[in-house]
N, C-alpha and C. Protein backbone atom coordinates (compact mmCIF):
# COMPACT_ATOMS: atom_id res chain seq x y z
N MET A 1 110.10 117.82 85.90
CA MET A 1 109.94 116.39 85.69
C MET A 1 111.08 115.89 84.80
N GLN A 2 111.55 114.70 85.08
CA GLN A 2 112.63 114.09 84.30
C GLN A 2 112.06 113.00 83.39
N GLU A 3 112.79 112.75 82.29
CA GLU A 3 112.42 111.64 81.42
C GLU A 3 112.82 110.33 82.11
N LEU A 4 111.98 109.34 81.99
CA LEU A 4 112.25 108.03 82.59
C LEU A 4 113.09 107.17 81.67
N THR A 5 113.90 106.29 82.28
CA THR A 5 114.59 105.28 81.49
C THR A 5 113.56 104.24 81.07
N LYS A 6 113.94 103.37 80.17
CA LYS A 6 113.02 102.32 79.71
C LYS A 6 112.57 101.45 80.88
N ALA A 7 113.50 101.06 81.75
CA ALA A 7 113.17 100.22 82.90
C ALA A 7 112.25 100.95 83.88
N GLU A 8 112.53 102.22 84.12
CA GLU A 8 111.67 103.01 85.02
C GLU A 8 110.27 103.15 84.44
N GLU A 9 110.20 103.41 83.15
CA GLU A 9 108.90 103.58 82.50
C GLU A 9 108.09 102.28 82.55
N GLU A 10 108.77 101.16 82.39
CA GLU A 10 108.09 99.86 82.45
C GLU A 10 107.45 99.65 83.83
N ILE A 11 108.16 100.02 84.87
CA ILE A 11 107.61 99.89 86.22
C ILE A 11 106.48 100.89 86.45
N MET A 12 106.64 102.11 85.93
CA MET A 12 105.56 103.09 86.06
C MET A 12 104.31 102.62 85.34
N GLN A 13 104.46 102.01 84.16
CA GLN A 13 103.29 101.50 83.43
C GLN A 13 102.54 100.48 84.30
N ILE A 14 103.29 99.65 85.01
CA ILE A 14 102.68 98.65 85.89
C ILE A 14 101.96 99.34 87.05
N LEU A 15 102.62 100.32 87.66
CA LEU A 15 101.99 101.02 88.79
C LEU A 15 100.77 101.83 88.35
N TRP A 16 100.81 102.42 87.17
CA TRP A 16 99.62 103.13 86.67
C TRP A 16 98.47 102.15 86.49
N LYS A 17 98.79 100.97 86.04
CA LYS A 17 97.75 99.95 85.83
C LYS A 17 97.20 99.43 87.16
N LEU A 18 98.09 99.09 88.08
CA LEU A 18 97.68 98.51 89.36
C LEU A 18 97.22 99.55 90.38
N GLU A 19 97.68 100.77 90.24
CA GLU A 19 97.41 101.90 91.12
C GLU A 19 98.21 101.86 92.41
N LYS A 20 98.44 100.69 92.98
CA LYS A 20 99.32 100.53 94.14
C LYS A 20 99.78 99.08 94.16
N ALA A 21 101.04 98.88 94.60
CA ALA A 21 101.56 97.51 94.57
C ALA A 21 102.83 97.40 95.40
N PHE A 22 103.05 96.20 95.91
CA PHE A 22 104.30 95.85 96.55
C PHE A 22 105.27 95.43 95.44
N VAL A 23 106.56 95.42 95.73
CA VAL A 23 107.55 95.02 94.73
C VAL A 23 107.22 93.64 94.16
N LYS A 24 106.81 92.73 95.01
CA LYS A 24 106.47 91.37 94.56
C LYS A 24 105.34 91.41 93.52
N GLU A 25 104.35 92.26 93.74
CA GLU A 25 103.22 92.37 92.81
C GLU A 25 103.66 93.01 91.48
N ILE A 26 104.59 93.95 91.57
CA ILE A 26 105.14 94.57 90.35
C ILE A 26 105.87 93.50 89.56
N LEU A 27 106.70 92.73 90.24
CA LEU A 27 107.48 91.68 89.60
C LEU A 27 106.59 90.66 88.90
N GLU A 28 105.46 90.34 89.50
CA GLU A 28 104.52 89.36 88.91
C GLU A 28 103.97 89.82 87.56
N GLN A 29 103.97 91.12 87.30
CA GLN A 29 103.41 91.66 86.06
C GLN A 29 104.37 91.54 84.87
N PHE A 30 105.64 91.26 85.13
CA PHE A 30 106.62 91.13 84.06
C PHE A 30 106.46 89.79 83.35
N LYS A 31 106.74 89.80 82.05
CA LYS A 31 106.76 88.57 81.28
C LYS A 31 108.11 87.89 81.50
N GLU A 32 108.16 86.60 81.18
CA GLU A 32 109.42 85.85 81.29
C GLU A 32 110.38 86.32 80.20
N PRO A 33 111.64 86.39 80.45
CA PRO A 33 112.31 86.20 81.73
C PRO A 33 112.13 87.43 82.62
N LYS A 34 111.69 87.21 83.83
CA LYS A 34 111.44 88.29 84.78
C LYS A 34 112.77 88.83 85.31
N PRO A 35 112.82 90.14 85.59
CA PRO A 35 114.03 90.68 86.21
C PRO A 35 114.14 90.18 87.65
N ALA A 36 115.30 90.34 88.23
CA ALA A 36 115.51 89.93 89.62
C ALA A 36 114.73 90.86 90.55
N TYR A 37 114.30 90.32 91.67
CA TYR A 37 113.57 91.09 92.68
C TYR A 37 114.37 92.34 93.06
N ASN A 38 115.68 92.17 93.30
CA ASN A 38 116.53 93.30 93.71
C ASN A 38 116.60 94.38 92.63
N THR A 39 116.55 93.99 91.38
CA THR A 39 116.56 94.95 90.27
C THR A 39 115.30 95.81 90.32
N VAL A 40 114.16 95.17 90.46
CA VAL A 40 112.90 95.90 90.53
C VAL A 40 112.88 96.80 91.77
N SER A 41 113.33 96.28 92.87
CA SER A 41 113.38 97.05 94.12
C SER A 41 114.26 98.29 93.97
N THR A 42 115.39 98.14 93.32
CA THR A 42 116.30 99.27 93.11
C THR A 42 115.66 100.33 92.22
N ILE A 43 115.02 99.91 91.15
CA ILE A 43 114.38 100.86 90.25
C ILE A 43 113.23 101.58 90.95
N VAL A 44 112.50 100.87 91.78
CA VAL A 44 111.41 101.48 92.54
C VAL A 44 111.96 102.56 93.47
N ARG A 45 113.08 102.30 94.11
CA ARG A 45 113.70 103.31 94.99
C ARG A 45 114.17 104.52 94.20
N ILE A 46 114.67 104.30 92.98
CA ILE A 46 115.08 105.41 92.11
C ILE A 46 113.86 106.26 91.75
N LEU A 47 112.74 105.60 91.41
CA LEU A 47 111.51 106.32 91.09
C LEU A 47 111.02 107.13 92.28
N GLU A 48 111.21 106.59 93.47
CA GLU A 48 110.83 107.32 94.68
C GLU A 48 111.70 108.57 94.84
N LYS A 49 113.01 108.44 94.63
CA LYS A 49 113.92 109.58 94.73
C LYS A 49 113.61 110.64 93.68
N LYS A 50 113.13 110.21 92.52
CA LYS A 50 112.76 111.15 91.44
C LYS A 50 111.38 111.75 91.66
N SER A 51 110.71 111.36 92.75
CA SER A 51 109.36 111.85 93.12
C SER A 51 108.28 111.43 92.13
N PHE A 52 108.46 110.27 91.50
CA PHE A 52 107.42 109.73 90.64
C PHE A 52 106.46 108.84 91.44
N ILE A 53 106.96 108.26 92.53
CA ILE A 53 106.13 107.39 93.35
C ILE A 53 106.40 107.67 94.83
N SER A 54 105.49 107.18 95.65
CA SER A 54 105.66 107.20 97.10
C SER A 54 105.17 105.85 97.62
N PHE A 55 105.12 105.70 98.94
CA PHE A 55 104.71 104.42 99.49
C PHE A 55 103.99 104.58 100.81
N ASN A 56 103.24 103.54 101.15
CA ASN A 56 102.67 103.37 102.48
C ASN A 56 103.44 102.21 103.11
N ALA A 57 103.89 102.41 104.35
CA ALA A 57 104.67 101.38 105.03
C ALA A 57 103.73 100.48 105.83
N PHE A 58 103.98 99.18 105.72
CA PHE A 58 103.28 98.16 106.51
C PHE A 58 104.37 97.34 107.17
N GLY A 59 104.84 97.82 108.31
CA GLY A 59 106.00 97.19 108.93
C GLY A 59 107.20 97.44 108.03
N LYS A 60 107.89 96.37 107.66
CA LYS A 60 109.06 96.51 106.78
C LYS A 60 108.67 96.52 105.31
N ALA A 61 107.45 96.19 104.99
CA ALA A 61 106.99 96.14 103.60
C ALA A 61 106.47 97.52 103.17
N HIS A 62 106.68 97.84 101.90
CA HIS A 62 106.21 99.10 101.34
C HIS A 62 105.30 98.84 100.16
N GLN A 63 104.16 99.51 100.18
CA GLN A 63 103.23 99.45 99.06
C GLN A 63 103.36 100.78 98.31
N TYR A 64 103.76 100.68 97.05
CA TYR A 64 104.07 101.86 96.24
C TYR A 64 102.87 102.31 95.41
N TYR A 65 102.81 103.61 95.17
CA TYR A 65 101.76 104.18 94.34
C TYR A 65 102.31 105.40 93.58
N PRO A 66 101.77 105.69 92.40
CA PRO A 66 102.27 106.81 91.59
C PRO A 66 101.90 108.17 92.18
N LEU A 67 102.82 109.11 92.07
CA LEU A 67 102.54 110.51 92.40
C LEU A 67 102.27 111.31 91.13
N ILE A 68 102.78 110.81 90.02
CA ILE A 68 102.59 111.43 88.71
C ILE A 68 101.63 110.55 87.92
N SER A 69 100.60 111.15 87.37
CA SER A 69 99.64 110.36 86.59
C SER A 69 100.22 110.03 85.22
N LYS A 70 99.66 109.03 84.61
CA LYS A 70 100.07 108.64 83.26
C LYS A 70 99.83 109.80 82.30
N GLU A 71 98.73 110.51 82.47
CA GLU A 71 98.40 111.64 81.61
C GLU A 71 99.43 112.76 81.75
N GLU A 72 99.86 113.04 82.98
CA GLU A 72 100.87 114.08 83.20
C GLU A 72 102.18 113.71 82.50
N TYR A 73 102.58 112.45 82.64
CA TYR A 73 103.83 112.02 82.01
C TYR A 73 103.69 112.00 80.49
N LYS A 74 102.54 111.57 80.00
CA LYS A 74 102.29 111.54 78.56
C LYS A 74 102.40 112.95 77.97
N GLU A 75 101.84 113.94 78.68
CA GLU A 75 101.91 115.32 78.21
C GLU A 75 103.36 115.81 78.21
N PHE A 76 104.10 115.50 79.27
CA PHE A 76 105.50 115.89 79.37
C PHE A 76 106.33 115.30 78.23
N ILE A 77 106.19 114.00 78.01
CA ILE A 77 107.01 113.31 77.01
C ILE A 77 106.61 113.72 75.60
N SER A 78 105.32 114.01 75.40
CA SER A 78 104.85 114.47 74.09
C SER A 78 105.44 115.83 73.75
N LYS A 79 105.46 116.73 74.72
CA LYS A 79 106.04 118.06 74.50
C LYS A 79 107.53 117.94 74.20
N LYS A 80 108.20 117.03 74.92
CA LYS A 80 109.63 116.83 74.69
C LYS A 80 109.87 116.29 73.28
N LEU A 81 109.08 115.33 72.85
CA LEU A 81 109.19 114.77 71.50
C LEU A 81 108.93 115.84 70.46
N LEU A 82 107.88 116.61 70.66
CA LEU A 82 107.50 117.66 69.72
C LEU A 82 108.61 118.70 69.58
N SER A 83 109.15 119.16 70.70
CA SER A 83 110.18 120.19 70.64
C SER A 83 111.53 119.64 70.18
N GLY A 84 111.84 118.40 70.55
CA GLY A 84 113.14 117.83 70.22
C GLY A 84 113.28 117.34 68.80
N TYR A 85 112.20 116.89 68.19
CA TYR A 85 112.30 116.27 66.86
C TYR A 85 111.47 116.96 65.78
N PHE A 86 110.52 117.80 66.17
CA PHE A 86 109.62 118.38 65.17
C PHE A 86 109.55 119.91 65.27
N GLU A 87 110.61 120.51 65.82
CA GLU A 87 110.71 121.97 65.95
C GLU A 87 109.48 122.59 66.61
N GLY A 88 108.84 121.84 67.49
CA GLY A 88 107.67 122.33 68.20
C GLY A 88 106.42 122.41 67.35
N SER A 89 106.46 121.85 66.15
CA SER A 89 105.33 121.97 65.22
C SER A 89 104.51 120.68 65.17
N VAL A 90 103.24 120.80 65.50
CA VAL A 90 102.32 119.67 65.40
C VAL A 90 102.17 119.28 63.94
N LYS A 91 102.19 120.28 63.05
CA LYS A 91 102.10 120.01 61.61
C LYS A 91 103.23 119.10 61.16
N ASN A 92 104.45 119.36 61.62
CA ASN A 92 105.59 118.52 61.26
C ASN A 92 105.42 117.10 61.81
N LEU A 93 104.89 116.99 63.00
CA LEU A 93 104.65 115.68 63.62
C LEU A 93 103.62 114.89 62.81
N VAL A 94 102.51 115.53 62.49
CA VAL A 94 101.44 114.86 61.73
C VAL A 94 101.94 114.50 60.34
N SER A 95 102.71 115.39 59.72
CA SER A 95 103.26 115.11 58.39
C SER A 95 104.18 113.90 58.43
N PHE A 96 104.97 113.80 59.49
CA PHE A 96 105.87 112.66 59.64
C PHE A 96 105.08 111.36 59.70
N PHE A 97 104.05 111.33 60.54
CA PHE A 97 103.26 110.11 60.68
C PHE A 97 102.40 109.85 59.44
N ALA A 98 101.95 110.91 58.78
CA ALA A 98 101.17 110.72 57.56
C ALA A 98 102.02 110.09 56.47
N GLY A 99 103.30 110.38 56.46
CA GLY A 99 104.20 109.81 55.48
C GLY A 99 104.66 108.41 55.82
N ASN A 100 104.33 107.95 57.01
CA ASN A 100 104.72 106.62 57.47
C ASN A 100 103.87 105.58 56.73
N LYS A 101 104.52 104.64 56.11
CA LYS A 101 103.83 103.62 55.31
C LYS A 101 102.98 102.67 56.15
N ASP A 102 103.21 102.62 57.45
CA ASP A 102 102.47 101.70 58.32
C ASP A 102 101.08 102.21 58.69
N ILE A 103 100.79 103.45 58.40
CA ILE A 103 99.48 104.01 58.75
C ILE A 103 98.52 103.74 57.60
N GLY A 104 97.42 103.08 57.91
CA GLY A 104 96.43 102.74 56.91
C GLY A 104 95.42 103.84 56.70
N VAL A 105 94.60 103.68 55.70
CA VAL A 105 93.57 104.66 55.35
C VAL A 105 92.60 104.85 56.52
N LYS A 106 92.23 103.74 57.16
CA LYS A 106 91.29 103.81 58.28
C LYS A 106 91.86 104.66 59.42
N GLU A 107 93.13 104.44 59.74
CA GLU A 107 93.75 105.24 60.79
C GLU A 107 93.84 106.71 60.40
N MET A 108 94.16 106.98 59.14
CA MET A 108 94.22 108.36 58.66
C MET A 108 92.86 109.04 58.80
N ASP A 109 91.79 108.31 58.45
CA ASP A 109 90.44 108.85 58.59
C ASP A 109 90.12 109.15 60.05
N GLU A 110 90.55 108.26 60.95
CA GLU A 110 90.31 108.48 62.37
C GLU A 110 91.07 109.70 62.87
N ILE A 111 92.29 109.89 62.41
CA ILE A 111 93.08 111.06 62.79
C ILE A 111 92.39 112.33 62.30
N LEU A 112 91.93 112.32 61.05
CA LEU A 112 91.22 113.49 60.50
C LEU A 112 89.96 113.78 61.31
N LYS A 113 89.25 112.74 61.69
CA LYS A 113 88.03 112.92 62.48
C LYS A 113 88.36 113.58 63.83
N ILE A 114 89.41 113.13 64.47
CA ILE A 114 89.83 113.71 65.76
C ILE A 114 90.19 115.17 65.57
N LEU A 115 90.94 115.47 64.52
CA LEU A 115 91.35 116.87 64.28
C LEU A 115 90.14 117.76 64.01
N LYS A 116 89.16 117.24 63.28
CA LYS A 116 87.95 118.02 63.00
C LYS A 116 87.16 118.29 64.28
N GLU A 117 87.11 117.29 65.17
CA GLU A 117 86.40 117.45 66.44
C GLU A 117 87.07 118.49 67.33
N LYS A 118 88.39 118.54 67.29
CA LYS A 118 89.15 119.50 68.11
C LYS A 118 89.03 120.92 67.58
N LYS A 119 88.72 121.04 66.28
CA LYS A 119 88.58 122.32 65.63
C LYS A 119 87.33 123.01 66.13
């Protein structure tokens, strides 16, 4: 599996949400200013070549759907983040986020609760 570009990931997020969609329907999900139809169409074709999506043909129109689930990609990207920035250590990852000033006490308690449940 390959890492997605920001634009590819944005389209995948839309397809994971919609489950299947034509390019026009994908485009409708973007906030203003919306990208050009041809831009979205090109990125969709790239995702197809990367085997992230496939399509059902309805004449000349194609309805696209994900081949890779959001969970599969989340696991892939999490492992890449963990190995690339935290020496493969979950402890280093948690320590980094625990030291982040934006995390409140409530969130820290929720993280501890999750860790205790997994134990």
